[in-house]
mmCIF file of all heavy atoms, coordinates in Angstrom:
data_MODEL
# 
_entry.id   MODEL 
# 
loop_
_atom_site.group_PDB 
_atom_site.id 
_atom_site.type_symbol 
_atom_site.label_atom_id 
_atom_site.label_alt_id 
_atom_site.label_comp_id 
_atom_site.label_asym_id 
_atom_site.label_entity_id 
_atom_site.label_seq_id 
_atom_site.pdbx_PDB_ins_code 
_atom_site.Cartn_x 
_atom_site.Cartn_y 
_atom_site.Cartn_z 
_atom_site.occupancy 
_atom_site.B_iso_or_equiv 
_atom_site.pdbx_formal_charge 
_atom_site.auth_seq_id 
_atom_site.auth_comp_id 
_atom_site.auth_asym_id 
_atom_site.auth_atom_id 
_atom_site.pdbx_PDB_model_num 
ATOM 1   N N   . LYS A 1 1  ? -14.607 -1.185  -6.877  1.00 0.00 ? 1  LYS A N   1 
ATOM 2   C CA  . LYS A 1 1  ? -15.633 -0.789  -5.921  1.00 0.00 ? 1  LYS A CA  1 
ATOM 3   C C   . LYS A 1 1  ? -14.941 0.099   -4.898  1.00 0.00 ? 1  LYS A C   1 
ATOM 4   O O   . LYS A 1 1  ? -13.819 -0.187  -4.478  1.00 0.00 ? 1  LYS A O   1 
ATOM 5   C CB  . LYS A 1 1  ? -16.249 -2.005  -5.219  1.00 0.00 ? 1  LYS A CB  1 
ATOM 6   C CG  . LYS A 1 1  ? -17.034 -2.936  -6.130  1.00 0.00 ? 1  LYS A CG  1 
ATOM 7   C CD  . LYS A 1 1  ? -17.581 -4.129  -5.358  1.00 0.00 ? 1  LYS A CD  1 
ATOM 8   C CE  . LYS A 1 1  ? -18.386 -5.053  -6.254  1.00 0.00 ? 1  LYS A CE  1 
ATOM 9   N NZ  . LYS A 1 1  ? -18.897 -6.240  -5.502  1.00 0.00 ? 1  LYS A NZ  1 
ATOM 10  N N   . PHE A 1 2  ? -15.609 1.162   -4.501  1.00 0.00 ? 2  PHE A N   1 
ATOM 11  C CA  . PHE A 1 2  ? -14.995 2.129   -3.605  1.00 0.00 ? 2  PHE A CA  1 
ATOM 12  C C   . PHE A 1 2  ? -16.012 2.584   -2.572  1.00 0.00 ? 2  PHE A C   1 
ATOM 13  O O   . PHE A 1 2  ? -17.145 2.917   -2.930  1.00 0.00 ? 2  PHE A O   1 
ATOM 14  C CB  . PHE A 1 2  ? -14.501 3.334   -4.412  1.00 0.00 ? 2  PHE A CB  1 
ATOM 15  C CG  . PHE A 1 2  ? -13.470 4.164   -3.715  1.00 0.00 ? 2  PHE A CG  1 
ATOM 16  C CD1 . PHE A 1 2  ? -12.132 4.031   -4.027  1.00 0.00 ? 2  PHE A CD1 1 
ATOM 17  C CD2 . PHE A 1 2  ? -13.846 5.087   -2.753  1.00 0.00 ? 2  PHE A CD2 1 
ATOM 18  C CE1 . PHE A 1 2  ? -11.171 4.809   -3.385  1.00 0.00 ? 2  PHE A CE1 1 
ATOM 19  C CE2 . PHE A 1 2  ? -12.906 5.861   -2.108  1.00 0.00 ? 2  PHE A CE2 1 
ATOM 20  C CZ  . PHE A 1 2  ? -11.561 5.725   -2.429  1.00 0.00 ? 2  PHE A CZ  1 
ATOM 21  N N   . LYS A 1 3  ? -15.595 2.572   -1.305  1.00 0.00 ? 3  LYS A N   1 
ATOM 22  C CA  . LYS A 1 3  ? -16.466 3.016   -0.218  1.00 0.00 ? 3  LYS A CA  1 
ATOM 23  C C   . LYS A 1 3  ? -15.605 3.724   0.819   1.00 0.00 ? 3  LYS A C   1 
ATOM 24  O O   . LYS A 1 3  ? -14.997 3.099   1.675   1.00 0.00 ? 3  LYS A O   1 
ATOM 25  C CB  . LYS A 1 3  ? -17.194 1.823   0.421   1.00 0.00 ? 3  LYS A CB  1 
ATOM 26  C CG  . LYS A 1 3  ? -18.163 2.207   1.534   1.00 0.00 ? 3  LYS A CG  1 
ATOM 27  C CD  . LYS A 1 3  ? -18.848 0.966   2.118   1.00 0.00 ? 3  LYS A CD  1 
ATOM 28  C CE  . LYS A 1 3  ? -19.796 1.335   3.238   1.00 0.00 ? 3  LYS A CE  1 
ATOM 29  N NZ  . LYS A 1 3  ? -20.462 0.136   3.831   1.00 0.00 ? 3  LYS A NZ  1 
ATOM 30  N N   . ARG A 1 4  ? -15.536 5.052   0.679   1.00 0.00 ? 4  ARG A N   1 
ATOM 31  C CA  . ARG A 1 4  ? -14.702 5.849   1.576   1.00 0.00 ? 4  ARG A CA  1 
ATOM 32  C C   . ARG A 1 4  ? -13.260 5.349   1.532   1.00 0.00 ? 4  ARG A C   1 
ATOM 33  O O   . ARG A 1 4  ? -12.637 5.355   0.506   1.00 0.00 ? 4  ARG A O   1 
ATOM 34  C CB  . ARG A 1 4  ? -15.271 5.849   2.991   1.00 0.00 ? 4  ARG A CB  1 
ATOM 35  C CG  . ARG A 1 4  ? -16.665 6.436   3.070   1.00 0.00 ? 4  ARG A CG  1 
ATOM 36  C CD  . ARG A 1 4  ? -16.698 7.896   2.655   1.00 0.00 ? 4  ARG A CD  1 
ATOM 37  N NE  . ARG A 1 4  ? -18.036 8.461   2.714   1.00 0.00 ? 4  ARG A NE  1 
ATOM 38  C CZ  . ARG A 1 4  ? -18.307 9.721   2.426   1.00 0.00 ? 4  ARG A CZ  1 
ATOM 39  N NH1 . ARG A 1 4  ? -17.345 10.535  2.054   1.00 0.00 ? 4  ARG A NH1 1 
ATOM 40  N NH2 . ARG A 1 4  ? -19.546 10.162  2.485   1.00 0.00 ? 4  ARG A NH2 1 
ATOM 41  N N   . ASN A 1 5  ? -12.718 4.863   2.658   1.00 0.00 ? 5  ASN A N   1 
ATOM 42  C CA  . ASN A 1 5  ? -11.346 4.378   2.644   1.00 0.00 ? 5  ASN A CA  1 
ATOM 43  C C   . ASN A 1 5  ? -11.267 2.882   2.346   1.00 0.00 ? 5  ASN A C   1 
ATOM 44  O O   . ASN A 1 5  ? -10.219 2.260   2.517   1.00 0.00 ? 5  ASN A O   1 
ATOM 45  C CB  . ASN A 1 5  ? -10.659 4.671   3.986   1.00 0.00 ? 5  ASN A CB  1 
ATOM 46  C CG  . ASN A 1 5  ? -11.333 3.951   5.146   1.00 0.00 ? 5  ASN A CG  1 
ATOM 47  O OD1 . ASN A 1 5  ? -12.502 3.572   5.050   1.00 0.00 ? 5  ASN A OD1 1 
ATOM 48  N ND2 . ASN A 1 5  ? -10.603 3.768   6.236   1.00 0.00 ? 5  ASN A ND2 1 
ATOM 49  N N   . LYS A 1 6  ? -12.352 2.290   1.903   1.00 0.00 ? 6  LYS A N   1 
ATOM 50  C CA  . LYS A 1 6  ? -12.379 0.878   1.522   1.00 0.00 ? 6  LYS A CA  1 
ATOM 51  C C   . LYS A 1 6  ? -12.470 0.781   0.005   1.00 0.00 ? 6  LYS A C   1 
ATOM 52  O O   . LYS A 1 6  ? -13.155 1.577   -0.632  1.00 0.00 ? 6  LYS A O   1 
ATOM 53  C CB  . LYS A 1 6  ? -13.575 0.159   2.161   1.00 0.00 ? 6  LYS A CB  1 
ATOM 54  C CG  . LYS A 1 6  ? -13.626 0.220   3.678   1.00 0.00 ? 6  LYS A CG  1 
ATOM 55  C CD  . LYS A 1 6  ? -14.895 -0.448  4.182   1.00 0.00 ? 6  LYS A CD  1 
ATOM 56  C CE  . LYS A 1 6  ? -14.953 -0.463  5.703   1.00 0.00 ? 6  LYS A CE  1 
ATOM 57  N NZ  . LYS A 1 6  ? -15.019 0.891   6.292   1.00 0.00 ? 6  LYS A NZ  1 
ATOM 58  N N   . TYR A 1 7  ? -11.770 -0.192  -0.547  1.00 0.00 ? 7  TYR A N   1 
ATOM 59  C CA  . TYR A 1 7  ? -11.845 -0.352  -1.993  1.00 0.00 ? 7  TYR A CA  1 
ATOM 60  C C   . TYR A 1 7  ? -11.483 -1.776  -2.408  1.00 0.00 ? 7  TYR A C   1 
ATOM 61  O O   . TYR A 1 7  ? -10.854 -2.528  -1.656  1.00 0.00 ? 7  TYR A O   1 
ATOM 62  C CB  . TYR A 1 7  ? -10.925 0.645   -2.714  1.00 0.00 ? 7  TYR A CB  1 
ATOM 63  C CG  . TYR A 1 7  ? -9.490  0.655   -2.245  1.00 0.00 ? 7  TYR A CG  1 
ATOM 64  C CD1 . TYR A 1 7  ? -8.554  -0.251  -2.741  1.00 0.00 ? 7  TYR A CD1 1 
ATOM 65  C CD2 . TYR A 1 7  ? -9.057  1.599   -1.307  1.00 0.00 ? 7  TYR A CD2 1 
ATOM 66  C CE1 . TYR A 1 7  ? -7.238  -0.225  -2.319  1.00 0.00 ? 7  TYR A CE1 1 
ATOM 67  C CE2 . TYR A 1 7  ? -7.743  1.632   -0.878  1.00 0.00 ? 7  TYR A CE2 1 
ATOM 68  C CZ  . TYR A 1 7  ? -6.831  0.722   -1.395  1.00 0.00 ? 7  TYR A CZ  1 
ATOM 69  O OH  . TYR A 1 7  ? -5.529  0.750   -0.976  1.00 0.00 ? 7  TYR A OH  1 
ATOM 70  N N   . ARG A 1 8  ? -11.895 -2.114  -3.614  1.00 0.00 ? 8  ARG A N   1 
ATOM 71  C CA  . ARG A 1 8  ? -11.557 -3.403  -4.205  1.00 0.00 ? 8  ARG A CA  1 
ATOM 72  C C   . ARG A 1 8  ? -11.327 -3.180  -5.696  1.00 0.00 ? 8  ARG A C   1 
ATOM 73  O O   . ARG A 1 8  ? -12.222 -2.692  -6.403  1.00 0.00 ? 8  ARG A O   1 
ATOM 74  C CB  . ARG A 1 8  ? -12.678 -4.420  -3.994  1.00 0.00 ? 8  ARG A CB  1 
ATOM 75  C CG  . ARG A 1 8  ? -12.370 -5.779  -4.602  1.00 0.00 ? 8  ARG A CG  1 
ATOM 76  C CD  . ARG A 1 8  ? -13.516 -6.765  -4.454  1.00 0.00 ? 8  ARG A CD  1 
ATOM 77  N NE  . ARG A 1 8  ? -13.121 -8.061  -4.994  1.00 0.00 ? 8  ARG A NE  1 
ATOM 78  C CZ  . ARG A 1 8  ? -12.926 -9.153  -4.283  1.00 0.00 ? 8  ARG A CZ  1 
ATOM 79  N NH1 . ARG A 1 8  ? -13.148 -9.129  -2.991  1.00 0.00 ? 8  ARG A NH1 1 
ATOM 80  N NH2 . ARG A 1 8  ? -12.534 -10.277 -4.854  1.00 0.00 ? 8  ARG A NH2 1 
ATOM 81  N N   . VAL A 1 9  ? -10.131 -3.506  -6.155  1.00 0.00 ? 9  VAL A N   1 
ATOM 82  C CA  . VAL A 1 9  ? -9.768  -3.378  -7.556  1.00 0.00 ? 9  VAL A CA  1 
ATOM 83  C C   . VAL A 1 9  ? -9.509  -4.772  -8.103  1.00 0.00 ? 9  VAL A C   1 
ATOM 84  O O   . VAL A 1 9  ? -8.685  -5.516  -7.558  1.00 0.00 ? 9  VAL A O   1 
ATOM 85  C CB  . VAL A 1 9  ? -8.510  -2.504  -7.730  1.00 0.00 ? 9  VAL A CB  1 
ATOM 86  C CG1 . VAL A 1 9  ? -8.151  -2.374  -9.208  1.00 0.00 ? 9  VAL A CG1 1 
ATOM 87  C CG2 . VAL A 1 9  ? -8.720  -1.128  -7.114  1.00 0.00 ? 9  VAL A CG2 1 
ATOM 88  N N   . ASP A 1 10 ? -10.206 -5.148  -9.180  1.00 0.00 ? 10 ASP A N   1 
ATOM 89  C CA  . ASP A 1 10 ? -10.091 -6.491  -9.739  1.00 0.00 ? 10 ASP A CA  1 
ATOM 90  C C   . ASP A 1 10 ? -9.632  -6.457  -11.190 1.00 0.00 ? 10 ASP A C   1 
ATOM 91  O O   . ASP A 1 10 ? -10.275 -5.820  -12.040 1.00 0.00 ? 10 ASP A O   1 
ATOM 92  C CB  . ASP A 1 10 ? -11.444 -7.222  -9.670  1.00 0.00 ? 10 ASP A CB  1 
ATOM 93  C CG  . ASP A 1 10 ? -11.836 -7.582  -8.244  1.00 0.00 ? 10 ASP A CG  1 
ATOM 94  O OD1 . ASP A 1 10 ? -11.083 -8.315  -7.587  1.00 0.00 ? 10 ASP A OD1 1 
ATOM 95  O OD2 . ASP A 1 10 ? -12.899 -7.110  -7.795  1.00 0.00 ? 10 ASP A OD2 1 
ATOM 96  N N   . PHE A 1 11 ? -8.502  -7.136  -11.459 1.00 0.00 ? 11 PHE A N   1 
ATOM 97  C CA  . PHE A 1 11 ? -8.078  -7.456  -12.807 1.00 0.00 ? 11 PHE A CA  1 
ATOM 98  C C   . PHE A 1 11 ? -8.356  -8.937  -13.040 1.00 0.00 ? 11 PHE A C   1 
ATOM 99  O O   . PHE A 1 11 ? -8.775  -9.657  -12.124 1.00 0.00 ? 11 PHE A O   1 
ATOM 100 C CB  . PHE A 1 11 ? -6.572  -7.190  -12.978 1.00 0.00 ? 11 PHE A CB  1 
ATOM 101 C CG  . PHE A 1 11 ? -6.201  -5.740  -12.964 1.00 0.00 ? 11 PHE A CG  1 
ATOM 102 C CD1 . PHE A 1 11 ? -5.383  -5.229  -11.962 1.00 0.00 ? 11 PHE A CD1 1 
ATOM 103 C CD2 . PHE A 1 11 ? -6.640  -4.889  -13.960 1.00 0.00 ? 11 PHE A CD2 1 
ATOM 104 C CE1 . PHE A 1 11 ? -5.018  -3.895  -11.952 1.00 0.00 ? 11 PHE A CE1 1 
ATOM 105 C CE2 . PHE A 1 11 ? -6.284  -3.548  -13.960 1.00 0.00 ? 11 PHE A CE2 1 
ATOM 106 C CZ  . PHE A 1 11 ? -5.473  -3.048  -12.959 1.00 0.00 ? 11 PHE A CZ  1 
ATOM 107 N N   . THR A 1 12 ? -8.101  -9.403  -14.248 1.00 0.00 ? 12 THR A N   1 
ATOM 108 C CA  . THR A 1 12 ? -8.322  -10.824 -14.522 1.00 0.00 ? 12 THR A CA  1 
ATOM 109 C C   . THR A 1 12 ? -7.347  -11.695 -13.748 1.00 0.00 ? 12 THR A C   1 
ATOM 110 O O   . THR A 1 12 ? -7.672  -12.834 -13.401 1.00 0.00 ? 12 THR A O   1 
ATOM 111 C CB  . THR A 1 12 ? -8.173  -11.113 -16.023 1.00 0.00 ? 12 THR A CB  1 
ATOM 112 O OG1 . THR A 1 12 ? -6.884  -10.657 -16.467 1.00 0.00 ? 12 THR A OG1 1 
ATOM 113 C CG2 . THR A 1 12 ? -9.263  -10.401 -16.819 1.00 0.00 ? 12 THR A CG2 1 
ATOM 114 N N   . ASP A 1 13 ? -6.153  -11.180 -13.441 1.00 0.00 ? 13 ASP A N   1 
ATOM 115 C CA  . ASP A 1 13 ? -5.116  -12.006 -12.817 1.00 0.00 ? 13 ASP A CA  1 
ATOM 116 C C   . ASP A 1 13 ? -4.850  -11.683 -11.355 1.00 0.00 ? 13 ASP A C   1 
ATOM 117 O O   . ASP A 1 13 ? -4.134  -12.425 -10.677 1.00 0.00 ? 13 ASP A O   1 
ATOM 118 C CB  . ASP A 1 13 ? -3.812  -11.892 -13.599 1.00 0.00 ? 13 ASP A CB  1 
ATOM 119 C CG  . ASP A 1 13 ? -3.293  -10.461 -13.674 1.00 0.00 ? 13 ASP A CG  1 
ATOM 120 O OD1 . ASP A 1 13 ? -4.088  -9.529  -13.432 1.00 0.00 ? 13 ASP A OD1 1 
ATOM 121 O OD2 . ASP A 1 13 ? -2.100  -10.272 -13.968 1.00 0.00 ? 13 ASP A OD2 1 
ATOM 122 N N   . GLN A 1 14 ? -5.393  -10.592 -10.847 1.00 0.00 ? 14 GLN A N   1 
ATOM 123 C CA  . GLN A 1 14 ? -5.115  -10.222 -9.463  1.00 0.00 ? 14 GLN A CA  1 
ATOM 124 C C   . GLN A 1 14 ? -6.125  -9.216  -8.946  1.00 0.00 ? 14 GLN A C   1 
ATOM 125 O O   . GLN A 1 14 ? -6.875  -8.611  -9.715  1.00 0.00 ? 14 GLN A O   1 
ATOM 126 C CB  . GLN A 1 14 ? -3.702  -9.662  -9.325  1.00 0.00 ? 14 GLN A CB  1 
ATOM 127 C CG  . GLN A 1 14 ? -3.422  -8.466  -10.191 1.00 0.00 ? 14 GLN A CG  1 
ATOM 128 C CD  . GLN A 1 14 ? -1.956  -8.123  -10.209 1.00 0.00 ? 14 GLN A CD  1 
ATOM 129 O OE1 . GLN A 1 14 ? -1.404  -7.699  -9.196  1.00 0.00 ? 14 GLN A OE1 1 
ATOM 130 N NE2 . GLN A 1 14 ? -1.316  -8.307  -11.342 1.00 0.00 ? 14 GLN A NE2 1 
ATOM 131 N N   . SER A 1 15 ? -6.121  -9.059  -7.615  1.00 0.00 ? 15 SER A N   1 
ATOM 132 C CA  . SER A 1 15 ? -7.040  -8.129  -6.961  1.00 0.00 ? 15 SER A CA  1 
ATOM 133 C C   . SER A 1 15 ? -6.310  -7.423  -5.829  1.00 0.00 ? 15 SER A C   1 
ATOM 134 O O   . SER A 1 15 ? -5.374  -7.972  -5.237  1.00 0.00 ? 15 SER A O   1 
ATOM 135 C CB  . SER A 1 15 ? -8.256  -8.867  -6.379  1.00 0.00 ? 15 SER A CB  1 
ATOM 136 O OG  . SER A 1 15 ? -8.990  -9.522  -7.379  1.00 0.00 ? 15 SER A OG  1 
ATOM 137 N N   . LEU A 1 16 ? -6.742  -6.216  -5.532  1.00 0.00 ? 16 LEU A N   1 
ATOM 138 C CA  . LEU A 1 16 ? -6.271  -5.483  -4.367  1.00 0.00 ? 16 LEU A CA  1 
ATOM 139 C C   . LEU A 1 16 ? -7.502  -5.112  -3.558  1.00 0.00 ? 16 LEU A C   1 
ATOM 140 O O   . LEU A 1 16 ? -8.420  -4.458  -4.070  1.00 0.00 ? 16 LEU A O   1 
ATOM 141 C CB  . LEU A 1 16 ? -5.517  -4.221  -4.781  1.00 0.00 ? 16 LEU A CB  1 
ATOM 142 C CG  . LEU A 1 16 ? -4.793  -3.486  -3.652  1.00 0.00 ? 16 LEU A CG  1 
ATOM 143 C CD1 . LEU A 1 16 ? -3.605  -4.294  -3.181  1.00 0.00 ? 16 LEU A CD1 1 
ATOM 144 C CD2 . LEU A 1 16 ? -4.335  -2.113  -4.117  1.00 0.00 ? 16 LEU A CD2 1 
ATOM 145 N N   . ILE A 1 17 ? -7.543  -5.549  -2.284  1.00 0.00 ? 17 ILE A N   1 
ATOM 146 C CA  . ILE A 1 17 ? -8.716  -5.372  -1.437  1.00 0.00 ? 17 ILE A CA  1 
ATOM 147 C C   . ILE A 1 17 ? -8.285  -4.671  -0.161  1.00 0.00 ? 17 ILE A C   1 
ATOM 148 O O   . ILE A 1 17 ? -7.300  -5.068  0.477   1.00 0.00 ? 17 ILE A O   1 
ATOM 149 C CB  . ILE A 1 17 ? -9.354  -6.740  -1.107  1.00 0.00 ? 17 ILE A CB  1 
ATOM 150 C CG1 . ILE A 1 17 ? -9.690  -7.493  -2.402  1.00 0.00 ? 17 ILE A CG1 1 
ATOM 151 C CG2 . ILE A 1 17 ? -10.606 -6.561  -0.253  1.00 0.00 ? 17 ILE A CG2 1 
ATOM 152 C CD1 . ILE A 1 17 ? -10.013 -8.958  -2.183  1.00 0.00 ? 17 ILE A CD1 1 
ATOM 153 N N   . CYS A 1 18 ? -9.020  -3.639  0.235   1.00 0.00 ? 18 CYS A N   1 
ATOM 154 C CA  . CYS A 1 18 ? -8.667  -2.889  1.437   1.00 0.00 ? 18 CYS A CA  1 
ATOM 155 C C   . CYS A 1 18 ? -9.916  -2.564  2.239   1.00 0.00 ? 18 CYS A C   1 
ATOM 156 O O   . CYS A 1 18 ? -10.909 -2.089  1.687   1.00 0.00 ? 18 CYS A O   1 
ATOM 157 C CB  . CYS A 1 18 ? -7.951  -1.591  1.050   1.00 0.00 ? 18 CYS A CB  1 
ATOM 158 S SG  . CYS A 1 18 ? -7.546  -0.537  2.462   1.00 0.00 ? 18 CYS A SG  1 
ATOM 159 N N   . ASP A 1 19 ? -9.860  -2.822  3.541   1.00 0.00 ? 19 ASP A N   1 
ATOM 160 C CA  . ASP A 1 19 ? -10.987 -2.518  4.425   1.00 0.00 ? 19 ASP A CA  1 
ATOM 161 C C   . ASP A 1 19 ? -10.740 -1.286  5.287   1.00 0.00 ? 19 ASP A C   1 
ATOM 162 O O   . ASP A 1 19 ? -11.471 -1.015  6.236   1.00 0.00 ? 19 ASP A O   1 
ATOM 163 C CB  . ASP A 1 19 ? -11.311 -3.716  5.323   1.00 0.00 ? 19 ASP A CB  1 
ATOM 164 C CG  . ASP A 1 19 ? -10.214 -4.009  6.336   1.00 0.00 ? 19 ASP A CG  1 
ATOM 165 O OD1 . ASP A 1 19 ? -9.133  -3.370  6.278   1.00 0.00 ? 19 ASP A OD1 1 
ATOM 166 O OD2 . ASP A 1 19 ? -10.429 -4.885  7.206   1.00 0.00 ? 19 ASP A OD2 1 
ATOM 167 N N   . GLY A 1 20 ? -9.701  -0.520  4.945   1.00 0.00 ? 20 GLY A N   1 
ATOM 168 C CA  . GLY A 1 20 ? -9.368  0.663   5.723   1.00 0.00 ? 20 GLY A CA  1 
ATOM 169 C C   . GLY A 1 20 ? -8.326  0.412   6.784   1.00 0.00 ? 20 GLY A C   1 
ATOM 170 O O   . GLY A 1 20 ? -7.757  1.355   7.341   1.00 0.00 ? 20 GLY A O   1 
ATOM 171 N N   . LYS A 1 21 ? -8.050  -0.863  7.097   1.00 0.00 ? 21 LYS A N   1 
ATOM 172 C CA  . LYS A 1 21 ? -7.031  -1.228  8.075   1.00 0.00 ? 21 LYS A CA  1 
ATOM 173 C C   . LYS A 1 21 ? -5.997  -2.195  7.487   1.00 0.00 ? 21 LYS A C   1 
ATOM 174 O O   . LYS A 1 21 ? -4.822  -2.133  7.821   1.00 0.00 ? 21 LYS A O   1 
ATOM 175 C CB  . LYS A 1 21 ? -7.679  -1.881  9.305   1.00 0.00 ? 21 LYS A CB  1 
ATOM 176 C CG  . LYS A 1 21 ? -8.618  -0.956  10.074  1.00 0.00 ? 21 LYS A CG  1 
ATOM 177 C CD  . LYS A 1 21 ? -9.238  -1.679  11.264  1.00 0.00 ? 21 LYS A CD  1 
ATOM 178 C CE  . LYS A 1 21 ? -10.162 -0.763  12.036  1.00 0.00 ? 21 LYS A CE  1 
ATOM 179 N NZ  . LYS A 1 21 ? -10.784 -1.457  13.193  1.00 0.00 ? 21 LYS A NZ  1 
ATOM 180 N N   . THR A 1 22 ? -6.465  -3.087  6.633   1.00 0.00 ? 22 THR A N   1 
ATOM 181 C CA  . THR A 1 22 ? -5.625  -4.134  6.056   1.00 0.00 ? 22 THR A CA  1 
ATOM 182 C C   . THR A 1 22 ? -5.771  -4.144  4.542   1.00 0.00 ? 22 THR A C   1 
ATOM 183 O O   . THR A 1 22 ? -6.856  -3.872  4.016   1.00 0.00 ? 22 THR A O   1 
ATOM 184 C CB  . THR A 1 22 ? -6.032  -5.513  6.613   1.00 0.00 ? 22 THR A CB  1 
ATOM 185 O OG1 . THR A 1 22 ? -5.941  -5.471  8.046   1.00 0.00 ? 22 THR A OG1 1 
ATOM 186 C CG2 . THR A 1 22 ? -5.129  -6.613  6.079   1.00 0.00 ? 22 THR A CG2 1 
ATOM 187 N N   . ILE A 1 23 ? -4.675  -4.456  3.846   1.00 0.00 ? 23 ILE A N   1 
ATOM 188 C CA  . ILE A 1 23 ? -4.699  -4.601  2.395   1.00 0.00 ? 23 ILE A CA  1 
ATOM 189 C C   . ILE A 1 23 ? -4.325  -6.030  2.038   1.00 0.00 ? 23 ILE A C   1 
ATOM 190 O O   . ILE A 1 23 ? -3.330  -6.577  2.533   1.00 0.00 ? 23 ILE A O   1 
ATOM 191 C CB  . ILE A 1 23 ? -3.731  -3.632  1.706   1.00 0.00 ? 23 ILE A CB  1 
ATOM 192 C CG1 . ILE A 1 23 ? -4.149  -2.180  1.954   1.00 0.00 ? 23 ILE A CG1 1 
ATOM 193 C CG2 . ILE A 1 23 ? -3.672  -3.898  0.201   1.00 0.00 ? 23 ILE A CG2 1 
ATOM 194 C CD1 . ILE A 1 23 ? -3.209  -1.171  1.356   1.00 0.00 ? 23 ILE A CD1 1 
ATOM 195 N N   . TRP A 1 24 ? -5.134  -6.646  1.176   1.00 0.00 ? 24 TRP A N   1 
ATOM 196 C CA  . TRP A 1 24 ? -4.860  -7.983  0.652   1.00 0.00 ? 24 TRP A CA  1 
ATOM 197 C C   . TRP A 1 24 ? -4.556  -7.866  -0.835  1.00 0.00 ? 24 TRP A C   1 
ATOM 198 O O   . TRP A 1 24 ? -5.376  -7.356  -1.602  1.00 0.00 ? 24 TRP A O   1 
ATOM 199 C CB  . TRP A 1 24 ? -6.066  -8.899  0.847   1.00 0.00 ? 24 TRP A CB  1 
ATOM 200 C CG  . TRP A 1 24 ? -6.419  -9.195  2.264   1.00 0.00 ? 24 TRP A CG  1 
ATOM 201 C CD1 . TRP A 1 24 ? -6.007  -10.258 3.016   1.00 0.00 ? 24 TRP A CD1 1 
ATOM 202 C CD2 . TRP A 1 24 ? -7.302  -8.443  3.106   1.00 0.00 ? 24 TRP A CD2 1 
ATOM 203 N NE1 . TRP A 1 24 ? -6.570  -10.208 4.271   1.00 0.00 ? 24 TRP A NE1 1 
ATOM 204 C CE2 . TRP A 1 24 ? -7.370  -9.093  4.357   1.00 0.00 ? 24 TRP A CE2 1 
ATOM 205 C CE3 . TRP A 1 24 ? -8.043  -7.265  2.917   1.00 0.00 ? 24 TRP A CE3 1 
ATOM 206 C CZ2 . TRP A 1 24 ? -8.144  -8.631  5.407   1.00 0.00 ? 24 TRP A CZ2 1 
ATOM 207 C CZ3 . TRP A 1 24 ? -8.812  -6.782  3.957   1.00 0.00 ? 24 TRP A CZ3 1 
ATOM 208 C CH2 . TRP A 1 24 ? -8.860  -7.461  5.191   1.00 0.00 ? 24 TRP A CH2 1 
# 
């Protein structure tokens, strides 16, 4: 999922989530 500088990438084993300020 992508929204400007925000994104969420999901694999079966992990995810990368960003709100434009912080990355999890």
